[in-house]
Amino acid sequence: MRNSDDVQQLLAVAQHDAKRAGCKYIEIRPLVSDESQLVSRTGLAKTTAAVVHRLDLTRNQENVARSFHKQCVRNLARASNNNLLYEEGRSEELLRKFYSLLLLTRRRHMLPPQPLAWFQNLVALLGHQLKIRVAYKDNTPIASIMTLSFKDIVTYKYGCSDSRFNSLQGTSFLFWRTMLDAWADGASVFDMGRSDLHNPGLIAFKDHWGAARHDLTYYRFPPARRKDSSSEGNLLAAAKRLLKVVPDPIFTAVGGLLYRHVG
């Protein structure tokens, strides 16, 4: 929406509804925004910055492939040489394979996982708009991604892998299979999702596919209170060390508690 007055009115209604409902805050994540207008005219405060990658699929496969970085080309060649197997769908069995890899990935990053019920609800509610893709080496799941489809856009939402097999390039293999499916279904955009600025490796991986990078800024009302960064950092570091060693049942329980409150 280009009219700043319309944006201001919509946000004013959202702020009013949030107060009436007892919400602690509202947050918006526009891909395109006039920061000066949002901050000065609505009371929103800038909180977080990230980037989003989008690949234009209206070009044919040959033209898209020409935009791949040489590292991306090497990764796909390696995946092909490793004779990886592929499976897709929405079955409970496939979801559990995805979730097992997710636990490995979240523990590696020392982050609590979303509960299994989170993904079971997504599958139940989104149906054919959601797809789980798994790459195998022989009979071993080595990487998995979850994608969502809406109209002519396919979105990469979640990804995970077993780091012991990273050299086989399972994730690159799954991205390419997703793109092939998207072309077959007539999609025009492959949205590779958001990447935090402190994750340069993920940003570079998406850059290598020739995807256009867009800034994504989060705005919040009311502004978050300032915290003691030193004590908060020490607490976070201790929590991460604990998450690295706790058994899976406790690890997933922590995620279940957290994701009741965090999106």
C-alpha atoms as a PDB file:
ATOM      1  CA  MET A   1       0.000   0.000   0.000  1.00  0.00           C
ATOM      2  CA  ARG A   2       1.629   3.267  -1.145  1.00  0.00           C
ATOM      3  CA  ASN A   3      -0.587   5.840   0.578  1.00  0.00           C
ATOM      4  CA  SER A   4       1.030   6.667   3.937  1.00  0.00           C
ATOM      5  CA  ASP A   5      -2.264   7.991   5.337  1.00  0.00           C
ATOM      6  CA  ASP A   6      -3.952   4.634   4.663  1.00  0.00           C
ATOM      7  CA  VAL A   7      -1.069   2.807   6.333  1.00  0.00           C
ATOM      8  CA  GLN A   8      -1.305   5.108   9.351  1.00  0.00           C
ATOM      9  CA  GLN A   9      -5.052   4.486   9.690  1.00  0.00           C
ATOM     10  CA  LEU A  10      -4.652   0.702   9.429  1.00  0.00           C
ATOM     11  CA  LEU A  11      -1.929   0.689  12.067  1.00  0.00           C
ATOM     12  CA  ALA A  12      -3.994   2.901  14.359  1.00  0.00           C
ATOM     13  CA  VAL A  13      -6.840   0.366  14.186  1.00  0.00           C
ATOM     14  CA  ALA A  14      -4.397  -2.486  14.851  1.00  0.00           C
ATOM     15  CA  GLN A  15      -2.962  -0.660  17.861  1.00  0.00           C
ATOM     16  CA  HIS A  16      -6.453  -0.032  19.222  1.00  0.00           C
ATOM     17  CA  ASP A  17      -7.461  -3.683  18.775  1.00  0.00           C
ATOM     18  CA  ALA A  18      -4.255  -4.867  20.429  1.00  0.00           C
ATOM     19  CA  LYS A  19      -4.884  -2.717  23.487  1.00  0.00           C
ATOM     20  CA  ARG A  20      -8.492  -3.867  23.730  1.00  0.00           C
ATOM     21  CA  ALA A  21      -7.434  -7.525  23.473  1.00  0.00           C
ATOM     22  CA  GLY A  22      -4.749  -7.098  26.115  1.00  0.00           C
ATOM     23  CA  CYS A  23      -1.864  -7.871  23.735  1.00  0.00           C
ATOM     24  CA  LYS A  24       1.587  -6.866  24.932  1.00  0.00           C
ATOM     25  CA  TYR A  25       2.566  -5.454  21.554  1.00  0.00           C
ATOM     26  CA  ILE A  26       1.980  -5.582  17.810  1.00  0.00           C
ATOM     27  CA  GLU A  27       4.675  -6.215  15.227  1.00  0.00           C
ATOM     28  CA  ILE A  28       4.756  -5.738  11.478  1.00  0.00           C
ATOM     29  CA  ARG A  29       7.331  -7.021   9.008  1.00  0.00           C
ATOM     30  CA  PRO A  30       6.911  -5.130   5.723  1.00  0.00           C
ATOM     31  CA  LEU A  31       9.096  -6.049   2.772  1.00  0.00           C
ATOM     32  CA  VAL A  32       8.751  -2.495   1.498  1.00  0.00           C
ATOM     33  CA  SER A  33       8.457   0.447   3.859  1.00  0.00           C
ATOM     34  CA  ASP A  34       9.201   4.124   4.346  1.00  0.00           C
ATOM     35  CA  GLU A  35      10.970   3.944   7.690  1.00  0.00           C
ATOM     36  CA  SER A  36      10.707   7.663   8.433  1.00  0.00           C
ATOM     37  CA  GLN A  37       6.928   7.606   7.926  1.00  0.00           C
ATOM     38  CA  LEU A  38       6.406   4.448   9.978  1.00  0.00           C
ATOM     39  CA  VAL A  39       8.452   5.645  12.936  1.00  0.00           C
ATOM     40  CA  SER A  40       7.401   9.299  13.034  1.00  0.00           C
ATOM     41  CA  ARG A  41       3.693   8.962  12.252  1.00  0.00           C
ATOM     42  CA  THR A  42       2.676   5.711  13.953  1.00  0.00           C
ATOM     43  CA  GLY A  43       4.803   5.358  17.086  1.00  0.00           C
ATOM     44  CA  LEU A  44       6.317   2.109  15.811  1.00  0.00           C
ATOM     45  CA  ALA A  45       9.913   1.377  16.738  1.00  0.00           C
ATOM     46  CA  LYS A  46      12.444  -0.483  14.609  1.00  0.00           C
ATOM     47  CA  THR A  47      13.470  -3.689  16.385  1.00  0.00           C
ATOM     48  CA  THR A  48      15.126  -6.236  14.093  1.00  0.00           C
ATOM     49  CA  ALA A  49      16.604  -6.314  10.617  1.00  0.00           C
ATOM     50  CA  ALA A  50      16.921  -9.324   8.327  1.00  0.00           C
ATOM     51  CA  VAL A  51      16.947 -10.113   4.616  1.00  0.00           C
ATOM     52  CA  VAL A  52      14.642 -12.115   2.365  1.00  0.00           C
ATOM     53  CA  HIS A  53      15.720 -13.849  -0.851  1.00  0.00           C
ATOM     54  CA  ARG A  54      13.357 -14.303  -3.792  1.00  0.00           C
ATOM     55  CA  LEU A  55      14.175 -16.107  -7.020  1.00  0.00           C
ATOM     56  CA  ASP A  56      12.325 -15.108 -10.200  1.00  0.00           C
ATOM     57  CA  LEU A  57      11.009 -18.280 -11.853  1.00  0.00           C
ATOM     58  CA  THR A  58       9.341 -16.553 -14.788  1.00  0.00           C
ATOM     59  CA  ARG A  59      12.653 -17.095 -16.578  1.00  0.00           C
ATOM     60  CA  ASN A  60      13.272 -20.533 -18.044  1.00  0.00           C
ATOM     61  CA  GLN A  61      15.483 -23.091 -16.329  1.00  0.00           C
ATOM     62  CA  GLU A  62      18.477 -22.369 -18.540  1.00  0.00           C
ATOM     63  CA  ASN A  63      18.452 -18.649 -17.771  1.00  0.00           C
ATOM     64  CA  VAL A  64      18.029 -19.245 -14.041  1.00  0.00           C
ATOM     65  CA  ALA A  65      20.853 -21.797 -14.018  1.00  0.00           C
ATOM     66  CA  ARG A  66      23.156 -19.275 -15.701  1.00  0.00           C
ATOM     67  CA  SER A  67      22.758 -17.003 -12.669  1.00  0.00           C
ATOM     68  CA  PHE A  68      23.982 -19.693 -10.245  1.00  0.00           C
ATOM     69  CA  HIS A  69      27.274 -19.042  -8.507  1.00  0.00           C
ATOM     70  CA  LYS A  70      30.013 -21.540  -9.415  1.00  0.00           C
ATOM     71  CA  GLN A  71      29.863 -22.906  -5.861  1.00  0.00           C
ATOM     72  CA  CYS A  72      26.158 -23.633  -6.303  1.00  0.00           C
ATOM     73  CA  VAL A  73      26.896 -25.456  -9.572  1.00  0.00           C
ATOM     74  CA  ARG A  74      29.563 -27.547  -7.836  1.00  0.00           C
ATOM     75  CA  ASN A  75      27.198 -28.399  -4.993  1.00  0.00           C
ATOM     76  CA  LEU A  76      24.511 -29.626  -7.388  1.00  0.00           C
ATOM     77  CA  ALA A  77      27.060 -31.679  -9.327  1.00  0.00           C
ATOM     78  CA  ARG A  78      28.254 -33.255  -6.075  1.00  0.00           C
ATOM     79  CA  ALA A  79      24.679 -34.093  -5.060  1.00  0.00           C
ATOM     80  CA  SER A  80      24.093 -35.708  -8.448  1.00  0.00           C
ATOM     81  CA  ASN A  81      27.285 -37.748  -8.212  1.00  0.00           C
ATOM     82  CA  ASN A  82      26.269 -39.022  -4.780  1.00  0.00           C
ATOM     83  CA  ASN A  83      23.069 -40.586  -6.168  1.00  0.00           C
ATOM     84  CA  LEU A  84      20.817 -39.127  -3.490  1.00  0.00           C
ATOM     85  CA  LEU A  85      17.275 -40.438  -3.200  1.00  0.00           C
ATOM     86  CA  TYR A  86      14.231 -38.203  -2.842  1.00  0.00           C
ATOM     87  CA  GLU A  87      10.820 -38.420  -1.190  1.00  0.00           C
ATOM     88  CA  GLU A  88       8.068 -35.870  -0.734  1.00  0.00           C
ATOM     89  CA  GLY A  89       4.634 -35.723   0.848  1.00  0.00           C
ATOM     90  CA  ARG A  90       2.802 -34.952   4.092  1.00  0.00           C
ATOM     91  CA  SER A  91       2.595 -38.337   5.841  1.00  0.00           C
ATOM     92  CA  GLU A  92       3.205 -38.730   9.559  1.00  0.00           C
ATOM     93  CA  GLU A  93       6.192 -40.947   8.787  1.00  0.00           C
ATOM     94  CA  LEU A  94       7.767 -38.291   6.596  1.00  0.00           C
ATOM     95  CA  LEU A  95       7.038 -35.601   9.176  1.00  0.00           C
ATOM     96  CA  ARG A  96       8.838 -37.618  11.862  1.00  0.00           C
ATOM     97  CA  LYS A  97      11.891 -38.000   9.629  1.00  0.00           C
ATOM     98  CA  PHE A  98      11.859 -34.236   9.127  1.00  0.00           C
ATOM     99  CA  TYR A  99      11.484 -33.691  12.869  1.00  0.00           C
ATOM    100  CA  SER A 100      14.375 -36.013  13.763  1.00  0.00           C
ATOM    101  CA  LEU A 101      16.630 -33.953  11.497  1.00  0.00           C
ATOM    102  CA  LEU A 102      15.195 -30.751  12.957  1.00  0.00           C
ATOM    103  CA  LEU A 103      16.198 -31.838  16.476  1.00  0.00           C
ATOM    104  CA  LEU A 104      19.756 -32.444  15.272  1.00  0.00           C
ATOM    105  CA  THR A 105      19.881 -29.028  13.621  1.00  0.00           C
ATOM    106  CA  ARG A 106      18.370 -27.064  16.494  1.00  0.00           C
ATOM    107  CA  ARG A 107      20.680 -28.766  18.993  1.00  0.00           C
ATOM    108  CA  ARG A 108      23.647 -27.952  16.757  1.00  0.00           C
ATOM    109  CA  HIS A 109      22.599 -24.302  16.806  1.00  0.00           C
ATOM    110  CA  MET A 110      21.759 -24.505  20.530  1.00  0.00           C
ATOM    111  CA  LEU A 111      18.177 -23.372  19.935  1.00  0.00           C
ATOM    112  CA  PRO A 112      15.040 -25.019  21.364  1.00  0.00           C
ATOM    113  CA  PRO A 113      12.944 -26.781  18.694  1.00  0.00           C
ATOM    114  CA  GLN A 114       9.351 -26.115  17.793  1.00  0.00           C
ATOM    115  CA  PRO A 115       7.205 -28.916  19.232  1.00  0.00           C
ATOM    116  CA  LEU A 116       6.157 -31.761  16.937  1.00  0.00           C
ATOM    117  CA  ALA A 117       2.530 -30.682  17.438  1.00  0.00           C
ATOM    118  CA  TRP A 118       3.424 -27.342  15.813  1.00  0.00           C
ATOM    119  CA  PHE A 119       4.233 -29.101  12.546  1.00  0.00           C
ATOM    120  CA  GLN A 120       1.384 -31.602  12.846  1.00  0.00           C
ATOM    121  CA  ASN A 121      -1.019 -28.653  13.041  1.00  0.00           C
ATOM    122  CA  LEU A 122       0.598 -27.042   9.999  1.00  0.00           C
ATOM    123  CA  VAL A 123       0.136 -30.238   8.001  1.00  0.00           C
ATOM    124  CA  ALA A 124      -3.484 -30.600   9.126  1.00  0.00           C
ATOM    125  CA  LEU A 125      -4.410 -26.988   8.406  1.00  0.00           C
ATOM    126  CA  LEU A 126      -2.495 -26.334   5.189  1.00  0.00           C
ATOM    127  CA  GLY A 127      -3.002 -29.676   3.436  1.00  0.00           C
ATOM    128  CA  HIS A 128      -1.710 -29.722  -0.144  1.00  0.00           C
ATOM    129  CA  GLN A 129      -0.221 -26.234   0.287  1.00  0.00           C
ATOM    130  CA  LEU A 130       2.487 -27.782   2.479  1.00  0.00           C
ATOM    131  CA  LYS A 131       5.110 -30.254   1.321  1.00  0.00           C
ATOM    132  CA  ILE A 132       7.852 -32.109   3.194  1.00  0.00           C
ATOM    133  CA  ARG A 133      10.888 -33.051   1.112  1.00  0.00           C
ATOM    134  CA  VAL A 134      13.539 -35.494   2.307  1.00  0.00           C
ATOM    135  CA  ALA A 135      16.889 -36.423   0.765  1.00  0.00           C
ATOM    136  CA  TYR A 136      18.429 -39.808   1.520  1.00  0.00           C
ATOM    137  CA  LYS A 137      21.795 -41.411   1.127  1.00  0.00           C
ATOM    138  CA  ASP A 138      20.835 -45.051   0.696  1.00  0.00           C
ATOM    139  CA  ASN A 139      18.182 -45.457   3.442  1.00  0.00           C
ATOM    140  CA  THR A 140      19.435 -42.694   5.727  1.00  0.00           C
ATOM    141  CA  PRO A 141      17.618 -39.314   5.802  1.00  0.00           C
ATOM    142  CA  ILE A 142      20.323 -36.651   5.492  1.00  0.00           C
ATOM    143  CA  ALA A 143      18.386 -33.417   4.831  1.00  0.00           C
ATOM    144  CA  SER A 144      14.814 -32.186   4.772  1.00  0.00           C
ATOM    145  CA  ILE A 145      12.947 -28.985   4.027  1.00  0.00           C
ATOM    146  CA  MET A 146       9.338 -27.903   4.447  1.00  0.00           C
ATOM    147  CA  THR A 147       7.820 -25.648   1.784  1.00  0.00           C
ATOM    148  CA  LEU A 148       4.526 -23.762   1.562  1.00  0.00           C
ATOM    149  CA  SER A 149       2.665 -22.777  -1.601  1.00  0.00           C
ATOM    150  CA  PHE A 150       0.208 -19.959  -2.137  1.00  0.00           C
ATOM    151  CA  LYS A 151      -0.985 -18.888  -5.569  1.00  0.00           C
ATOM    152  CA  ASP A 152       2.183 -18.553  -7.690  1.00  0.00           C
ATOM    153  CA  ILE A 153       4.686 -18.396  -4.821  1.00  0.00           C
ATOM    154  CA  VAL A 154       6.549 -21.340  -3.294  1.00  0.00           C
ATOM    155  CA  THR A 155       8.156 -20.534   0.063  1.00  0.00           C
ATOM    156  CA  TYR A 156      10.980 -22.317   1.835  1.00  0.00           C
ATOM    157  CA  LYS A 157       9.926 -22.267   5.480  1.00  0.00           C
ATOM    158  CA  TYR A 158      11.991 -24.771   7.487  1.00  0.00           C
ATOM    159  CA  GLY A 159      15.160 -26.709   6.767  1.00  0.00           C
ATOM    160  CA  CYS A 160      17.282 -29.223   8.657  1.00  0.00           C
ATOM    161  CA  SER A 161      20.045 -31.738   8.080  1.00  0.00           C
ATOM    162  CA  ASP A 162      22.409 -34.270   9.586  1.00  0.00           C
ATOM    163  CA  SER A 163      25.767 -32.484   9.601  1.00  0.00           C
ATOM    164  CA  ARG A 164      27.647 -35.784   9.176  1.00  0.00           C
ATOM    165  CA  PHE A 165      26.440 -35.789   5.562  1.00  0.00           C
ATOM    166  CA  ASN A 166      26.802 -32.092   4.728  1.00  0.00           C
ATOM    167  CA  SER A 167      29.414 -32.860   2.072  1.00  0.00           C
ATOM    168  CA  LEU A 168      26.752 -34.729   0.066  1.00  0.00           C
ATOM    169  CA  GLN A 169      24.844 -31.437  -0.481  1.00  0.00           C
ATOM    170  CA  GLY A 170      21.403 -32.760   0.453  1.00  0.00           C
ATOM    171  CA  THR A 171      19.944 -29.290   1.044  1.00  0.00           C
ATOM    172  CA  SER A 172      21.138 -28.007  -2.340  1.00  0.00           C
ATOM    173  CA  PHE A 173      19.597 -31.095  -3.915  1.00  0.00           C
ATOM    174  CA  LEU A 174      16.251 -30.355  -2.213  1.00  0.00           C
ATOM    175  CA  PHE A 175      16.281 -26.690  -3.245  1.00  0.00           C
ATOM    176  CA  TRP A 176      16.769 -27.721  -6.880  1.00  0.00           C
ATOM    177  CA  ARG A 177      13.953 -30.291  -6.687  1.00  0.00           C
ATOM    178  CA  THR A 178      11.706 -27.612  -5.197  1.00  0.00           C
ATOM    179  CA  MET A 179      12.481 -25.288  -8.076  1.00  0.00           C
ATOM    180  CA  LEU A 180      11.745 -28.009 -10.635  1.00  0.00           C
ATOM    181  CA  ASP A 181       8.374 -28.670  -8.980  1.00  0.00           C
ATOM    182  CA  ALA A 182       7.655 -24.945  -8.888  1.00  0.00           C
ATOM    183  CA  TRP A 183       8.268 -24.600 -12.616  1.00  0.00           C
ATOM    184  CA  ALA A 184       6.077 -27.636 -13.308  1.00  0.00           C
ATOM    185  CA  ASP A 185       3.263 -26.093 -11.236  1.00  0.00           C
ATOM    186  CA  GLY A 186       3.527 -22.714 -12.960  1.00  0.00           C
ATOM    187  CA  ALA A 187       4.932 -20.815  -9.970  1.00  0.00           C
ATOM    188  CA  SER A 188       6.612 -17.498 -10.664  1.00  0.00           C
ATOM    189  CA  VAL A 189       8.574 -16.971  -7.424  1.00  0.00           C
ATOM    190  CA  PHE A 190      10.634 -19.185  -5.138  1.00  0.00           C
ATOM    191  CA  ASP A 191      10.746 -17.344  -1.809  1.00  0.00           C
ATOM    192  CA  MET A 192      13.803 -18.645   0.060  1.00  0.00           C
ATOM    193  CA  GLY A 193      12.680 -17.077   3.321  1.00  0.00           C
ATOM    194  CA  ARG A 194      14.280 -14.762   5.837  1.00  0.00           C
ATOM    195  CA  SER A 195      17.875 -14.843   7.020  1.00  0.00           C
ATOM    196  CA  ASP A 196      19.181 -13.060  10.103  1.00  0.00           C
ATOM    197  CA  LEU A 197      22.040 -10.670   9.460  1.00  0.00           C
ATOM    198  CA  HIS A 198      24.229 -12.565  11.939  1.00  0.00           C
ATOM    199  CA  ASN A 199      23.987 -15.683   9.735  1.00  0.00           C
ATOM    200  CA  PRO A 200      26.251 -14.780   6.789  1.00  0.00           C
ATOM    201  CA  GLY A 201      26.648 -18.429   5.784  1.00  0.00           C
ATOM    202  CA  LEU A 202      22.925 -18.824   5.130  1.00  0.00           C
ATOM    203  CA  ILE A 203      22.780 -15.495   3.304  1.00  0.00           C
ATOM    204  CA  ALA A 204      25.675 -16.553   1.068  1.00  0.00           C
ATOM    205  CA  PHE A 205      24.012 -19.919   0.355  1.00  0.00           C
ATOM    206  CA  LYS A 206      20.883 -18.130  -0.896  1.00  0.00           C
ATOM    207  CA  ASP A 207      22.900 -15.491  -2.777  1.00  0.00           C
ATOM    208  CA  HIS A 208      24.580 -18.308  -4.722  1.00  0.00           C
ATOM    209  CA  TRP A 209      21.255 -19.260  -6.324  1.00  0.00           C
ATOM    210  CA  GLY A 210      21.046 -15.849  -7.967  1.00  0.00           C
ATOM    211  CA  ALA A 211      18.075 -14.824  -5.829  1.00  0.00           C
ATOM    212  CA  ALA A 212      17.337 -11.134  -5.311  1.00  0.00           C
ATOM    213  CA  ARG A 213      17.969  -9.947  -1.763  1.00  0.00           C
ATOM    214  CA  HIS A 214      15.426  -7.675  -0.036  1.00  0.00           C
ATOM    215  CA  ASP A 215      15.704  -5.934   3.324  1.00  0.00           C
ATOM    216  CA  LEU A 216      13.194  -7.008   5.976  1.00  0.00           C
ATOM    217  CA  THR A 217      12.760  -4.711   8.970  1.00  0.00           C
ATOM    218  CA  TYR A 218      10.593  -5.476  11.999  1.00  0.00           C
ATOM    219  CA  TYR A 219       8.620  -2.663  13.631  1.00  0.00           C
ATOM    220  CA  ARG A 220       6.959  -2.889  17.040  1.00  0.00           C
ATOM    221  CA  PHE A 221       4.478  -0.915  19.134  1.00  0.00           C
ATOM    222  CA  PRO A 222       5.015  -0.139  21.929  1.00  0.00           C
ATOM    223  CA  PRO A 223       8.826  -0.160  21.765  1.00  0.00           C
ATOM    224  CA  ALA A 224      10.536  -2.935  23.733  1.00  0.00           C
ATOM    225  CA  ARG A 225      12.033  -1.980  27.074  1.00  0.00           C
ATOM    226  CA  ARG A 226      15.782  -1.722  27.220  1.00  0.00           C
ATOM    227  CA  LYS A 227      17.471  -4.662  28.951  1.00  0.00           C
ATOM    228  CA  ASP A 228      20.816  -5.155  30.595  1.00  0.00           C
ATOM    229  CA  SER A 229      22.668  -6.611  27.619  1.00  0.00           C
ATOM    230  CA  SER A 230      25.535  -8.055  29.691  1.00  0.00           C
ATOM    231  CA  SER A 231      23.367 -10.043  32.107  1.00  0.00           C
ATOM    232  CA  GLU A 232      21.030 -11.078  29.286  1.00  0.00           C
ATOM    233  CA  GLY A 233      24.010 -12.286  27.238  1.00  0.00           C
ATOM    234  CA  ASN A 234      25.382 -14.339  30.132  1.00  0.00           C
ATOM    235  CA  LEU A 235      21.979 -15.935  30.723  1.00  0.00           C
ATOM    236  CA  LEU A 236      21.597 -16.771  27.030  1.00  0.00           C
ATOM    237  CA  ALA A 237      25.058 -18.331  26.880  1.00  0.00           C
ATOM    238  CA  ALA A 238      24.319 -20.499  29.922  1.00  0.00           C
ATOM    239  CA  ALA A 239      20.974 -21.586  28.464  1.00  0.00           C
ATOM    240  CA  LYS A 240      22.616 -22.551  25.174  1.00  0.00           C
ATOM    241  CA  ARG A 241      25.227 -24.665  26.934  1.00  0.00           C
ATOM    242  CA  LEU A 242      22.449 -26.467  28.776  1.00  0.00           C
ATOM    243  CA  LEU A 243      20.449 -27.079  25.595  1.00  0.00           C
ATOM    244  CA  LYS A 244      23.457 -28.768  24.042  1.00  0.00           C
ATOM    245  CA  VAL A 245      23.523 -31.582  26.599  1.00  0.00           C
ATOM    246  CA  VAL A 246      19.961 -32.156  27.864  1.00  0.00           C
ATOM    247  CA  PRO A 247      18.146 -35.324  26.676  1.00  0.00           C
ATOM    248  CA  ASP A 248      15.722 -35.067  23.748  1.00  0.00           C
ATOM    249  CA  PRO A 249      12.526 -35.204  25.909  1.00  0.00           C
ATOM    250  CA  ILE A 250      13.678 -32.168  27.910  1.00  0.00           C
ATOM    251  CA  PHE A 251      15.015 -30.463  24.790  1.00  0.00           C
ATOM    252  CA  THR A 252      11.637 -30.723  23.050  1.00  0.00           C
ATOM    253  CA  ALA A 253       9.756 -29.782  26.242  1.00  0.00           C
ATOM    254  CA  VAL A 254      11.667 -26.495  26.418  1.00  0.00           C
ATOM    255  CA  GLY A 255      10.635 -25.770  22.846  1.00  0.00           C
ATOM    256  CA  GLY A 256       7.019 -26.595  23.665  1.00  0.00           C
ATOM    257  CA  LEU A 257       7.007 -24.054  26.487  1.00  0.00           C
ATOM    258  CA  LEU A 258       8.764 -21.374  24.464  1.00  0.00           C
ATOM    259  CA  TYR A 259       6.646 -21.607  21.318  1.00  0.00           C
ATOM    260  CA  ARG A 260       3.468 -21.079  23.253  1.00  0.00           C
ATOM    261  CA  HIS A 261       4.632 -17.485  23.514  1.00  0.00           C
ATOM    262  CA  VAL A 262       6.979 -16.892  20.579  1.00  0.00           C
ATOM    263  CA  GLY A 263       6.034 -17.098  16.905  1.00  0.00           C
END
